[in-house]
Amino acid sequence: RALFVASHGTDVRGEDRLVGSGGESFTLRFHLHPSVKASVLGDGHGV
C-alpha cells in the first residue's frame, strides 16, 4: 500500500497492490464516518 498527500492538502493518492499468483478475489474497503453522506458517481468509477 502506498499513500501520498500533496503539500497543498487538497489531493491524496493511494495505490493498493497484490503481488503473487494466488487467491480468487480481493475487496478494498473505505469505511465512512457516520457523519459523511456518499453517492456513487454516474460513471461508476468513484464516489
All heavy atoms as atom14 arrays in JSON, in Angstrom:
{
  "sequence": "RALFVASHGTDVRGEDRLVGSGGESFTLRFHLHPSVKASVLGDGHGV",
  "atom14_mask": [
    [1, 1, 1, 1, 1, 1, 1, 1, 1, 1, 1, 0, 0, 0],
    [1, 1, 1, 1, 1, 0, 0, 0, 0, 0, 0, 0, 0, 0],
    [1, 1, 1, 1, 1, 1, 1, 1, 0, 0, 0, 0, 0, 0],
    [1, 1, 1, 1, 1, 1, 1, 1, 1, 1, 1, 0, 0, 0],
    [1, 1, 1, 1, 1, 1, 1, 0, 0, 0, 0, 0, 0, 0],
    [1, 1, 1, 1, 1, 0, 0, 0, 0, 0, 0, 0, 0, 0],
    [1, 1, 1, 1, 1, 1, 0, 0, 0, 0, 0, 0, 0, 0],
    [1, 1, 1, 1, 1, 1, 1, 1, 1, 1, 0, 0, 0, 0],
    [1, 1, 1, 1, 0, 0, 0, 0, 0, 0, 0, 0, 0, 0],
    [1, 1, 1, 1, 1, 1, 1, 0, 0, 0, 0, 0, 0, 0],
    [1, 1, 1, 1, 1, 1, 1, 1, 0, 0, 0, 0, 0, 0],
    [1, 1, 1, 1, 1, 1, 1, 0, 0, 0, 0, 0, 0, 0],
    [1, 1, 1, 1, 1, 1, 1, 1, 1, 1, 1, 0, 0, 0],
    [1, 1, 1, 1, 0, 0, 0, 0, 0, 0, 0, 0, 0, 0],
    [1, 1, 1, 1, 1, 1, 1, 1, 1, 0, 0, 0, 0, 0],
    [1, 1, 1, 1, 1, 1, 1, 1, 0, 0, 0, 0, 0, 0],
    [1, 1, 1, 1, 1, 1, 1, 1, 1, 1, 1, 0, 0, 0],
    [1, 1, 1, 1, 1, 1, 1, 1, 0, 0, 0, 0, 0, 0],
    [1, 1, 1, 1, 1, 1, 1, 0, 0, 0, 0, 0, 0, 0],
    [1, 1, 1, 1, 0, 0, 0, 0, 0, 0, 0, 0, 0, 0],
    [1, 1, 1, 1, 1, 1, 0, 0, 0, 0, 0, 0, 0, 0],
    [1, 1, 1, 1, 0, 0, 0, 0, 0, 0, 0, 0, 0, 0],
    [1, 1, 1, 1, 0, 0, 0, 0, 0, 0, 0, 0, 0, 0],
    [1, 1, 1, 1, 1, 1, 1, 1, 1, 0, 0, 0, 0, 0],
    [1, 1, 1, 1, 1, 1, 0, 0, 0, 0, 0, 0, 0, 0],
    [1, 1, 1, 1, 1, 1, 1, 1, 1, 1, 1, 0, 0, 0],
    [1, 1, 1, 1, 1, 1, 1, 0, 0, 0, 0, 0, 0, 0],
    [1, 1, 1, 1, 1, 1, 1, 1, 0, 0, 0, 0, 0, 0],
    [1, 1, 1, 1, 1, 1, 1, 1, 1, 1, 1, 0, 0, 0],
    [1, 1, 1, 1, 1, 1, 1, 1, 1, 1, 1, 0, 0, 0],
    [1, 1, 1, 1, 1, 1, 1, 1, 1, 1, 0, 0, 0, 0],
    [1, 1, 1, 1, 1, 1, 1, 1, 0, 0, 0, 0, 0, 0],
    [1, 1, 1, 1, 1, 1, 1, 1, 1, 1, 0, 0, 0, 0],
    [1, 1, 1, 1, 1, 1, 1, 0, 0, 0, 0, 0, 0, 0],
    [1, 1, 1, 1, 1, 1, 0, 0, 0, 0, 0, 0, 0, 0],
    [1, 1, 1, 1, 1, 1, 1, 0, 0, 0, 0, 0, 0, 0],
    [1, 1, 1, 1, 1, 1, 1, 1, 1, 0, 0, 0, 0, 0],
    [1, 1, 1, 1, 1, 0, 0, 0, 0, 0, 0, 0, 0, 0],
    [1, 1, 1, 1, 1, 1, 0, 0, 0, 0, 0, 0, 0, 0],
    [1, 1, 1, 1, 1, 1, 1, 0, 0, 0, 0, 0, 0, 0],
    [1, 1, 1, 1, 1, 1, 1, 1, 0, 0, 0, 0, 0, 0],
    [1, 1, 1, 1, 0, 0, 0, 0, 0, 0, 0, 0, 0, 0],
    [1, 1, 1, 1, 1, 1, 1, 1, 0, 0, 0, 0, 0, 0],
    [1, 1, 1, 1, 0, 0, 0, 0, 0, 0, 0, 0, 0, 0],
    [1, 1, 1, 1, 1, 1, 1, 1, 1, 1, 0, 0, 0, 0],
    [1, 1, 1, 1, 0, 0, 0, 0, 0, 0, 0, 0, 0, 0],
    [1, 1, 1, 1, 1, 1, 1, 0, 0, 0, 0, 0, 0, 0]
  ],
  "atom14_positions": [
    [[0.85, -1.2, 0.0], [0.0, 0.0, 0.0], [0.88, 1.25, 0.0], [1.86, 1.33, 0.77], [-0.93, 0.01, 1.2], [-1.58, 1.35, 1.51], [-2.76, 1.24, 2.46], [-3.99, 0.95, 1.71], [-5.2, 0.85, 2.27], [-5.33, 0.96, 3.58], [-6.26, 0.61, 1.53], [0.0, 0.0, 0.0], [0.0, 0.0, 0.0], [0.0, 0.0, 0.0]],
    [[0.54, 2.19, -0.85], [1.24, 3.48, -0.9], [0.22, 4.6, -0.72], [-0.85, 4.58, -1.33], [1.97, 3.65, -2.23], [0.0, 0.0, 0.0], [0.0, 0.0, 0.0], [0.0, 0.0, 0.0], [0.0, 0.0, 0.0], [0.0, 0.0, 0.0], [0.0, 0.0, 0.0], [0.0, 0.0, 0.0], [0.0, 0.0, 0.0], [0.0, 0.0, 0.0]],
    [[0.53, 5.56, 0.14], [-0.31, 6.73, 0.36], [0.54, 7.98, 0.15], [1.65, 8.09, 0.69], [-0.88, 6.75, 1.79], [-1.86, 5.64, 2.19], [-2.29, 5.82, 3.64], [-3.08, 5.64, 1.28], [0.0, 0.0, 0.0], [0.0, 0.0, 0.0], [0.0, 0.0, 0.0], [0.0, 0.0, 0.0], [0.0, 0.0, 0.0], [0.0, 0.0, 0.0]],
    [[0.01, 8.92, -0.62], [0.69, 10.19, -0.88], [-0.26, 11.34, -0.6], [-1.41, 11.34, -1.06], [1.16, 10.27, -2.33], [1.73, 11.61, -2.71], [3.02, 11.97, -2.34], [0.97, 12.53, -3.42], [3.55, 13.21, -2.68], [1.48, 13.77, -3.77], [2.78, 14.12, -3.39], [0.0, 0.0, 0.0], [0.0, 0.0, 0.0], [0.0, 0.0, 0.0]],
    [[0.2, 12.31, 0.19], [-0.58, 13.52, 0.48], [0.2, 14.71, -0.08], [1.34, 14.95, 0.31], [-0.81, 13.7, 1.99], [-1.66, 14.96, 2.25], [-1.5, 12.48, 2.58], [0.0, 0.0, 0.0], [0.0, 0.0, 0.0], [0.0, 0.0, 0.0], [0.0, 0.0, 0.0], [0.0, 0.0, 0.0], [0.0, 0.0, 0.0], [0.0, 0.0, 0.0]],
    [[-0.42, 15.43, -1.02], [0.22, 16.6, -1.62], [0.38, 17.7, -0.58], [-0.44, 17.84, 0.33], [-0.58, 17.1, -2.81], [0.0, 0.0, 0.0], [0.0, 0.0, 0.0], [0.0, 0.0, 0.0], [0.0, 0.0, 0.0], [0.0, 0.0, 0.0], [0.0, 0.0, 0.0], [0.0, 0.0, 0.0], [0.0, 0.0, 0.0], [0.0, 0.0, 0.0]],
    [[1.42, 18.49, -0.73], [1.76, 19.51, 0.26], [0.67, 20.56, 0.42], [0.53, 21.17, 1.48], [3.08, 20.18, -0.1], [3.02, 20.73, -1.41], [0.0, 0.0, 0.0], [0.0, 0.0, 0.0], [0.0, 0.0, 0.0], [0.0, 0.0, 0.0], [0.0, 0.0, 0.0], [0.0, 0.0, 0.0], [0.0, 0.0, 0.0], [0.0, 0.0, 0.0]],
    [[-0.15, 20.79, -0.63], [-1.22, 21.78, -0.52], [-2.44, 21.23, 0.2], [-3.38, 21.98, 0.54], [-1.62, 22.31, -1.9], [-1.85, 21.23, -2.93], [-2.92, 20.4, -2.91], [-1.09, 20.88, -4.0], [-2.85, 19.55, -3.93], [-1.75, 19.83, -4.62], [0.0, 0.0, 0.0], [0.0, 0.0, 0.0], [0.0, 0.0, 0.0], [0.0, 0.0, 0.0]],
    [[-2.49, 19.92, 0.45], [-3.53, 19.34, 1.28], [-4.89, 19.19, 0.63], [-5.89, 19.01, 1.34], [0.0, 0.0, 0.0], [0.0, 0.0, 0.0], [0.0, 0.0, 0.0], [0.0, 0.0, 0.0], [0.0, 0.0, 0.0], [0.0, 0.0, 0.0], [0.0, 0.0, 0.0], [0.0, 0.0, 0.0], [0.0, 0.0, 0.0], [0.0, 0.0, 0.0]],
    [[-4.95, 19.22, -0.69], [-6.24, 19.03, -1.37], [-6.24, 17.79, -2.25], [-7.19, 17.56, -3.0], [-6.6, 20.26, -2.23], [-5.57, 20.46, -3.21], [-6.75, 21.49, -1.36], [0.0, 0.0, 0.0], [0.0, 0.0, 0.0], [0.0, 0.0, 0.0], [0.0, 0.0, 0.0], [0.0, 0.0, 0.0], [0.0, 0.0, 0.0], [0.0, 0.0, 0.0]],
    [[-5.18, 16.99, -2.17], [-5.04, 15.85, -3.07], [-4.37, 14.7, -2.32], [-3.27, 14.87, -1.76], [-4.21, 16.25, -4.3], [-4.14, 15.14, -5.33], [-5.04, 14.27, -5.34], [-3.18, 15.13, -6.13], [0.0, 0.0, 0.0], [0.0, 0.0, 0.0], [0.0, 0.0, 0.0], [0.0, 0.0, 0.0], [0.0, 0.0, 0.0], [0.0, 0.0, 0.0]],
    [[-5.03, 13.55, -2.29], [-4.48, 12.34, -1.68], [-4.5, 11.24, -2.73], [-5.53, 11.03, -3.38], [-5.3, 11.9, -0.44], [-4.72, 10.63, 0.17], [-5.37, 13.02, 0.59], [0.0, 0.0, 0.0], [0.0, 0.0, 0.0], [0.0, 0.0, 0.0], [0.0, 0.0, 0.0], [0.0, 0.0, 0.0], [0.0, 0.0, 0.0], [0.0, 0.0, 0.0]],
    [[-3.39, 10.56, -2.89], [-3.31, 9.46, -3.86], [-3.0, 8.16, -3.13], [-2.22, 8.14, -2.18], [-2.21, 9.72, -4.91], [-2.37, 11.02, -5.68], [-3.61, 11.0, -6.57], [-3.82, 12.28, -7.21], [-3.39, 12.58, -8.45], [-2.72, 11.67, -9.14], [-3.65, 13.76, -8.97], [0.0, 0.0, 0.0], [0.0, 0.0, 0.0], [0.0, 0.0, 0.0]],
    [[-3.6, 7.07, -3.61], [-3.36, 5.78, -3.0], [-3.19, 4.69, -4.03], [-3.71, 4.79, -5.15], [0.0, 0.0, 0.0], [0.0, 0.0, 0.0], [0.0, 0.0, 0.0], [0.0, 0.0, 0.0], [0.0, 0.0, 0.0], [0.0, 0.0, 0.0], [0.0, 0.0, 0.0], [0.0, 0.0, 0.0], [0.0, 0.0, 0.0], [0.0, 0.0, 0.0]],
    [[-2.45, 3.68, -3.65], [-2.25, 2.52, -4.52], [-2.21, 1.27, -3.66], [-1.42, 1.18, -2.72], [-0.95, 2.67, -5.3], [-0.68, 1.54, -6.27], [0.59, 1.77, -7.07], [0.62, 2.71, -7.89], [1.58, 1.03, -6.83], [0.0, 0.0, 0.0], [0.0, 0.0, 0.0], [0.0, 0.0, 0.0], [0.0, 0.0, 0.0], [0.0, 0.0, 0.0]],
    [[-3.08, 0.32, -3.98], [-3.09, -0.97, -3.3], [-2.75, -2.05, -4.32], [-3.42, -2.18, -5.35], [-4.46, -1.24, -2.66], [-4.67, -0.43, -1.4], [-4.16, -0.84, -0.35], [-5.32, 0.63, -1.47], [0.0, 0.0, 0.0], [0.0, 0.0, 0.0], [0.0, 0.0, 0.0], [0.0, 0.0, 0.0], [0.0, 0.0, 0.0], [0.0, 0.0, 0.0]],
    [[-1.73, -2.82, -4.0], [-1.2, -3.79, -4.96], [-1.03, -5.14, -4.27], [-0.49, -5.23, -3.16], [0.14, -3.27, -5.49], [0.8, -4.12, -6.54], [1.86, -3.3, -7.29], [2.69, -2.54, -6.39], [3.92, -2.9, -6.01], [4.44, -4.02, -6.46], [4.63, -2.13, -5.2], [0.0, 0.0, 0.0], [0.0, 0.0, 0.0], [0.0, 0.0, 0.0]],
    [[-1.5, -6.19, -4.94], [-1.28, -7.56, -4.5], [-0.25, -8.2, -5.43], [-0.43, -8.21, -6.65], [-2.59, -8.36, -4.52], [-3.61, -8.03, -3.43], [-4.93, -8.72, -3.7], [-3.08, -8.41, -2.05], [0.0, 0.0, 0.0], [0.0, 0.0, 0.0], [0.0, 0.0, 0.0], [0.0, 0.0, 0.0], [0.0, 0.0, 0.0], [0.0, 0.0, 0.0]],
    [[0.83, -8.71, -4.84], [1.9, -9.33, -5.61], [1.91, -10.81, -5.31], [2.03, -11.23, -4.15], [3.26, -8.7, -5.26], [4.38, -9.41, -6.01], [3.26, -7.22, -5.59], [0.0, 0.0, 0.0], [0.0, 0.0, 0.0], [0.0, 0.0, 0.0], [0.0, 0.0, 0.0], [0.0, 0.0, 0.0], [0.0, 0.0, 0.0], [0.0, 0.0, 0.0]],
    [[1.77, -11.64, -6.36], [1.73, -13.08, -6.2], [0.7, -13.67, -7.14], [0.05, -12.96, -7.92], [0.0, 0.0, 0.0], [0.0, 0.0, 0.0], [0.0, 0.0, 0.0], [0.0, 0.0, 0.0], [0.0, 0.0, 0.0], [0.0, 0.0, 0.0], [0.0, 0.0, 0.0], [0.0, 0.0, 0.0], [0.0, 0.0, 0.0], [0.0, 0.0, 0.0]],
    [[0.51, -14.98, -7.04], [-0.34, -15.65, -8.03], [-1.56, -16.33, -7.44], [-2.32, -16.97, -8.16], [0.5, -16.7, -8.78], [1.06, -17.64, -7.86], [0.0, 0.0, 0.0], [0.0, 0.0, 0.0], [0.0, 0.0, 0.0], [0.0, 0.0, 0.0], [0.0, 0.0, 0.0], [0.0, 0.0, 0.0], [0.0, 0.0, 0.0], [0.0, 0.0, 0.0]],
    [[-1.79, -16.23, -6.15], [-2.89, -16.96, -5.52], [-4.14, -16.13, -5.33], [-4.25, -14.98, -5.75], [0.0, 0.0, 0.0], [0.0, 0.0, 0.0], [0.0, 0.0, 0.0], [0.0, 0.0, 0.0], [0.0, 0.0, 0.0], [0.0, 0.0, 0.0], [0.0, 0.0, 0.0], [0.0, 0.0, 0.0], [0.0, 0.0, 0.0], [0.0, 0.0, 0.0]],
    [[-5.11, -16.73, -4.61], [-6.36, -16.04, -4.29], [-7.36, -16.06, -5.42], [-7.02, -16.26, -6.59], [0.0, 0.0, 0.0], [0.0, 0.0, 0.0], [0.0, 0.0, 0.0], [0.0, 0.0, 0.0], [0.0, 0.0, 0.0], [0.0, 0.0, 0.0], [0.0, 0.0, 0.0], [0.0, 0.0, 0.0], [0.0, 0.0, 0.0], [0.0, 0.0, 0.0]],
    [[-8.61, -15.85, -5.06], [-9.68, -15.82, -6.06], [-10.3, -14.45, -6.22], [-10.78, -14.1, -7.3], [-10.78, -16.82, -5.65], [-10.3, -18.27, -5.6], [-11.35, -19.2, -5.03], [-12.4, -18.69, -4.57], [-11.13, -20.42, -5.05], [0.0, 0.0, 0.0], [0.0, 0.0, 0.0], [0.0, 0.0, 0.0], [0.0, 0.0, 0.0], [0.0, 0.0, 0.0]],
    [[-10.28, -13.63, -5.15], [-10.89, -12.3, -5.24], [-10.28, -11.38, -4.18], [-9.71, -11.83, -3.2], [-12.41, -12.38, -5.03], [-12.7, -12.86, -3.72], [0.0, 0.0, 0.0], [0.0, 0.0, 0.0], [0.0, 0.0, 0.0], [0.0, 0.0, 0.0], [0.0, 0.0, 0.0], [0.0, 0.0, 0.0], [0.0, 0.0, 0.0], [0.0, 0.0, 0.0]],
    [[-10.4, -10.08, -4.43], [-9.96, -9.08, -3.46], [-11.12, -8.13, -3.2], [-12.04, -7.97, -4.03], [-8.75, -8.28, -3.97], [-9.08, -7.33, -5.09], [-9.54, -6.04, -4.83], [-8.95, -7.72, -6.42], [-9.87, -5.16, -5.86], [-9.27, -6.85, -7.45], [-9.73, -5.57, -7.17], [0.0, 0.0, 0.0], [0.0, 0.0, 0.0], [0.0, 0.0, 0.0]],
    [[-11.08, -7.47, -2.04], [-12.05, -6.44, -1.69], [-11.32, -5.32, -0.98], [-10.64, -5.55, 0.03], [-13.17, -6.98, -0.78], [-13.8, -8.1, -1.4], [-14.22, -5.89, -0.53], [0.0, 0.0, 0.0], [0.0, 0.0, 0.0], [0.0, 0.0, 0.0], [0.0, 0.0, 0.0], [0.0, 0.0, 0.0], [0.0, 0.0, 0.0], [0.0, 0.0, 0.0]],
    [[-11.45, -4.12, -1.5], [-10.85, -2.93, -0.89], [-11.99, -2.11, -0.3], [-12.94, -1.77, -1.0], [-10.1, -2.12, -1.94], [-9.5, -0.78, -1.5], [-8.47, -0.98, -0.39], [-8.88, -0.06, -2.7], [0.0, 0.0, 0.0], [0.0, 0.0, 0.0], [0.0, 0.0, 0.0], [0.0, 0.0, 0.0], [0.0, 0.0, 0.0], [0.0, 0.0, 0.0]],
    [[-11.89, -1.81, 0.99], [-12.95, -1.1, 1.69], [-12.47, 0.24, 2.23], [-11.37, 0.33, 2.77], [-13.5, -1.93, 2.85], [-14.24, -3.2, 2.43], [-14.69, -4.0, 3.66], [-15.55, -5.12, 3.3], [-15.11, -6.31, 2.94], [-13.8, -6.55, 2.91], [-15.96, -7.27, 2.62], [0.0, 0.0, 0.0], [0.0, 0.0, 0.0], [0.0, 0.0, 0.0]],
    [[-13.33, 1.25, 2.11], [-13.15, 2.54, 2.76], [-14.38, 2.77, 3.64], [-15.44, 3.13, 3.13], [-13.03, 3.68, 1.73], [-11.87, 3.56, 0.78], [-11.95, 2.77, -0.35], [-10.69, 4.24, 1.04], [-10.88, 2.66, -1.22], [-9.61, 4.16, 0.17], [-9.71, 3.35, -0.96], [0.0, 0.0, 0.0], [0.0, 0.0, 0.0], [0.0, 0.0, 0.0]],
    [[-14.25, 2.52, 4.94], [-15.38, 2.73, 5.84], [-15.54, 4.23, 6.11], [-14.56, 4.93, 6.4], [-15.15, 1.98, 7.16], [-15.22, 0.5, 7.0], [-16.41, -0.19, 7.0], [-14.24, -0.44, 6.83], [-16.17, -1.49, 6.85], [-14.85, -1.66, 6.74], [0.0, 0.0, 0.0], [0.0, 0.0, 0.0], [0.0, 0.0, 0.0], [0.0, 0.0, 0.0]],
    [[-16.77, 4.71, 6.0], [-17.06, 6.13, 6.17], [-17.57, 6.42, 7.57], [-18.33, 5.63, 8.15], [-18.09, 6.58, 5.14], [-17.73, 6.34, 3.67], [-18.88, 6.75, 2.77], [-16.46, 7.1, 3.3], [0.0, 0.0, 0.0], [0.0, 0.0, 0.0], [0.0, 0.0, 0.0], [0.0, 0.0, 0.0], [0.0, 0.0, 0.0], [0.0, 0.0, 0.0]],
    [[-17.18, 7.57, 8.1], [-17.73, 8.01, 9.38], [-19.23, 8.26, 9.22], [-19.69, 8.69, 8.15], [-17.02, 9.29, 9.84], [-17.38, 9.68, 11.23], [-18.42, 10.54, 11.51], [-16.83, 9.32, 12.43], [-18.48, 10.7, 12.82], [-17.55, 9.98, 13.4], [0.0, 0.0, 0.0], [0.0, 0.0, 0.0], [0.0, 0.0, 0.0], [0.0, 0.0, 0.0]],
    [[-20.03, 8.02, 10.25], [-21.48, 8.19, 10.13], [-21.92, 9.6, 9.71], [-23.03, 9.76, 9.17], [-21.99, 7.86, 11.54], [-20.96, 6.94, 12.11], [-19.66, 7.41, 11.55], [0.0, 0.0, 0.0], [0.0, 0.0, 0.0], [0.0, 0.0, 0.0], [0.0, 0.0, 0.0], [0.0, 0.0, 0.0], [0.0, 0.0, 0.0], [0.0, 0.0, 0.0]],
    [[-21.09, 10.61, 9.93], [-21.47, 11.97, 9.56], [-21.3, 12.25, 8.07], [-21.72, 13.31, 7.58], [-20.65, 12.98, 10.36], [-19.28, 12.9, 10.03], [0.0, 0.0, 0.0], [0.0, 0.0, 0.0], [0.0, 0.0, 0.0], [0.0, 0.0, 0.0], [0.0, 0.0, 0.0], [0.0, 0.0, 0.0], [0.0, 0.0, 0.0], [0.0, 0.0, 0.0]],
    [[-20.68, 11.33, 7.33], [-20.4, 11.53, 5.9], [-21.54, 10.96, 5.07], [-22.0, 9.84, 5.29], [-19.07, 10.85, 5.52], [-18.81, 11.0, 4.02], [-17.92, 11.43, 6.32], [0.0, 0.0, 0.0], [0.0, 0.0, 0.0], [0.0, 0.0, 0.0], [0.0, 0.0, 0.0], [0.0, 0.0, 0.0], [0.0, 0.0, 0.0], [0.0, 0.0, 0.0]],
    [[-21.98, 11.75, 4.09], [-23.01, 11.31, 3.15], [-22.35, 11.04, 1.8], [-21.59, 11.87, 1.31], [-24.12, 12.36, 2.99], [-24.74, 12.79, 4.31], [-25.36, 11.62, 5.06], [-25.95, 12.06, 6.41], [-26.44, 10.91, 7.19], [0.0, 0.0, 0.0], [0.0, 0.0, 0.0], [0.0, 0.0, 0.0], [0.0, 0.0, 0.0], [0.0, 0.0, 0.0]],
    [[-22.65, 9.89, 1.21], [-21.95, 9.48, -0.01], [-22.92, 9.12, -1.12], [-24.05, 8.69, -0.88], [-21.05, 8.28, 0.31], [0.0, 0.0, 0.0], [0.0, 0.0, 0.0], [0.0, 0.0, 0.0], [0.0, 0.0, 0.0], [0.0, 0.0, 0.0], [0.0, 0.0, 0.0], [0.0, 0.0, 0.0], [0.0, 0.0, 0.0], [0.0, 0.0, 0.0]],
    [[-22.46, 9.3, -2.37], [-23.24, 8.9, -3.55], [-22.27, 8.49, -4.65], [-21.23, 9.13, -4.85], [-24.13, 10.03, -4.04], [-23.38, 11.2, -4.33], [0.0, 0.0, 0.0], [0.0, 0.0, 0.0], [0.0, 0.0, 0.0], [0.0, 0.0, 0.0], [0.0, 0.0, 0.0], [0.0, 0.0, 0.0], [0.0, 0.0, 0.0], [0.0, 0.0, 0.0]],
    [[-22.59, 7.38, -5.36], [-21.73, 6.88, -6.42], [-21.83, 7.8, -7.63], [-22.92, 8.26, -8.01], [-22.12, 5.44, -6.81], [-21.27, 4.93, -7.97], [-21.98, 4.51, -5.61], [0.0, 0.0, 0.0], [0.0, 0.0, 0.0], [0.0, 0.0, 0.0], [0.0, 0.0, 0.0], [0.0, 0.0, 0.0], [0.0, 0.0, 0.0], [0.0, 0.0, 0.0]],
    [[-20.68, 8.1, -8.24], [-20.66, 8.94, -9.43], [-21.34, 8.22, -10.6], [-21.4, 6.99, -10.65], [-19.21, 9.27, -9.81], [-18.43, 10.11, -8.79], [-16.97, 10.24, -9.21], [-19.05, 11.48, -8.64], [0.0, 0.0, 0.0], [0.0, 0.0, 0.0], [0.0, 0.0, 0.0], [0.0, 0.0, 0.0], [0.0, 0.0, 0.0], [0.0, 0.0, 0.0]],
    [[-21.81, 9.0, -11.53], [-22.57, 8.44, -12.65], [-21.81, 7.42, -13.47], [-22.4, 6.46, -13.98], [0.0, 0.0, 0.0], [0.0, 0.0, 0.0], [0.0, 0.0, 0.0], [0.0, 0.0, 0.0], [0.0, 0.0, 0.0], [0.0, 0.0, 0.0], [0.0, 0.0, 0.0], [0.0, 0.0, 0.0], [0.0, 0.0, 0.0], [0.0, 0.0, 0.0]],
    [[-20.49, 7.6, -13.61], [-19.72, 6.65, -14.42], [-19.31, 5.41, -13.65], [-18.68, 4.5, -14.2], [-18.48, 7.34, -15.01], [-17.52, 7.84, -13.93], [-17.77, 7.58, -12.74], [-16.53, 8.5, -14.29], [0.0, 0.0, 0.0], [0.0, 0.0, 0.0], [0.0, 0.0, 0.0], [0.0, 0.0, 0.0], [0.0, 0.0, 0.0], [0.0, 0.0, 0.0]],
    [[-19.65, 5.36, -12.36], [-19.36, 4.19, -11.56], [-17.92, 4.04, -11.14], [-17.53, 3.03, -10.56], [0.0, 0.0, 0.0], [0.0, 0.0, 0.0], [0.0, 0.0, 0.0], [0.0, 0.0, 0.0], [0.0, 0.0, 0.0], [0.0, 0.0, 0.0], [0.0, 0.0, 0.0], [0.0, 0.0, 0.0], [0.0, 0.0, 0.0], [0.0, 0.0, 0.0]],
    [[-17.08, 5.04, -11.4], [-15.65, 4.95, -11.09], [-15.28, 5.74, -9.83], [-14.09, 5.95, -9.58], [-14.81, 5.47, -12.26], [-14.77, 4.54, -13.42], [-13.88, 3.49, -13.52], [-15.54, 4.47, -14.53], [-14.09, 2.84, -14.64], [-15.1, 3.41, -15.29], [0.0, 0.0, 0.0], [0.0, 0.0, 0.0], [0.0, 0.0, 0.0], [0.0, 0.0, 0.0]],
    [[-16.27, 6.18, -9.09], [-15.93, 6.94, -7.89], [-17.14, 7.27, -7.05], [-18.27, 6.86, -7.35], [0.0, 0.0, 0.0], [0.0, 0.0, 0.0], [0.0, 0.0, 0.0], [0.0, 0.0, 0.0], [0.0, 0.0, 0.0], [0.0, 0.0, 0.0], [0.0, 0.0, 0.0], [0.0, 0.0, 0.0], [0.0, 0.0, 0.0], [0.0, 0.0, 0.0]],
    [[-16.89, 8.05, -6.0], [-17.93, 8.38, -5.03], [-17.77, 9.84, -4.64], [-16.65, 10.34, -4.45], [-17.82, 7.49, -3.78], [-18.87, 7.88, -2.73], [-17.99, 6.01, -4.15], [0.0, 0.0, 0.0], [0.0, 0.0, 0.0], [0.0, 0.0, 0.0], [0.0, 0.0, 0.0], [0.0, 0.0, 0.0], [0.0, 0.0, 0.0], [0.0, 0.0, 0.0]]
  ]
}
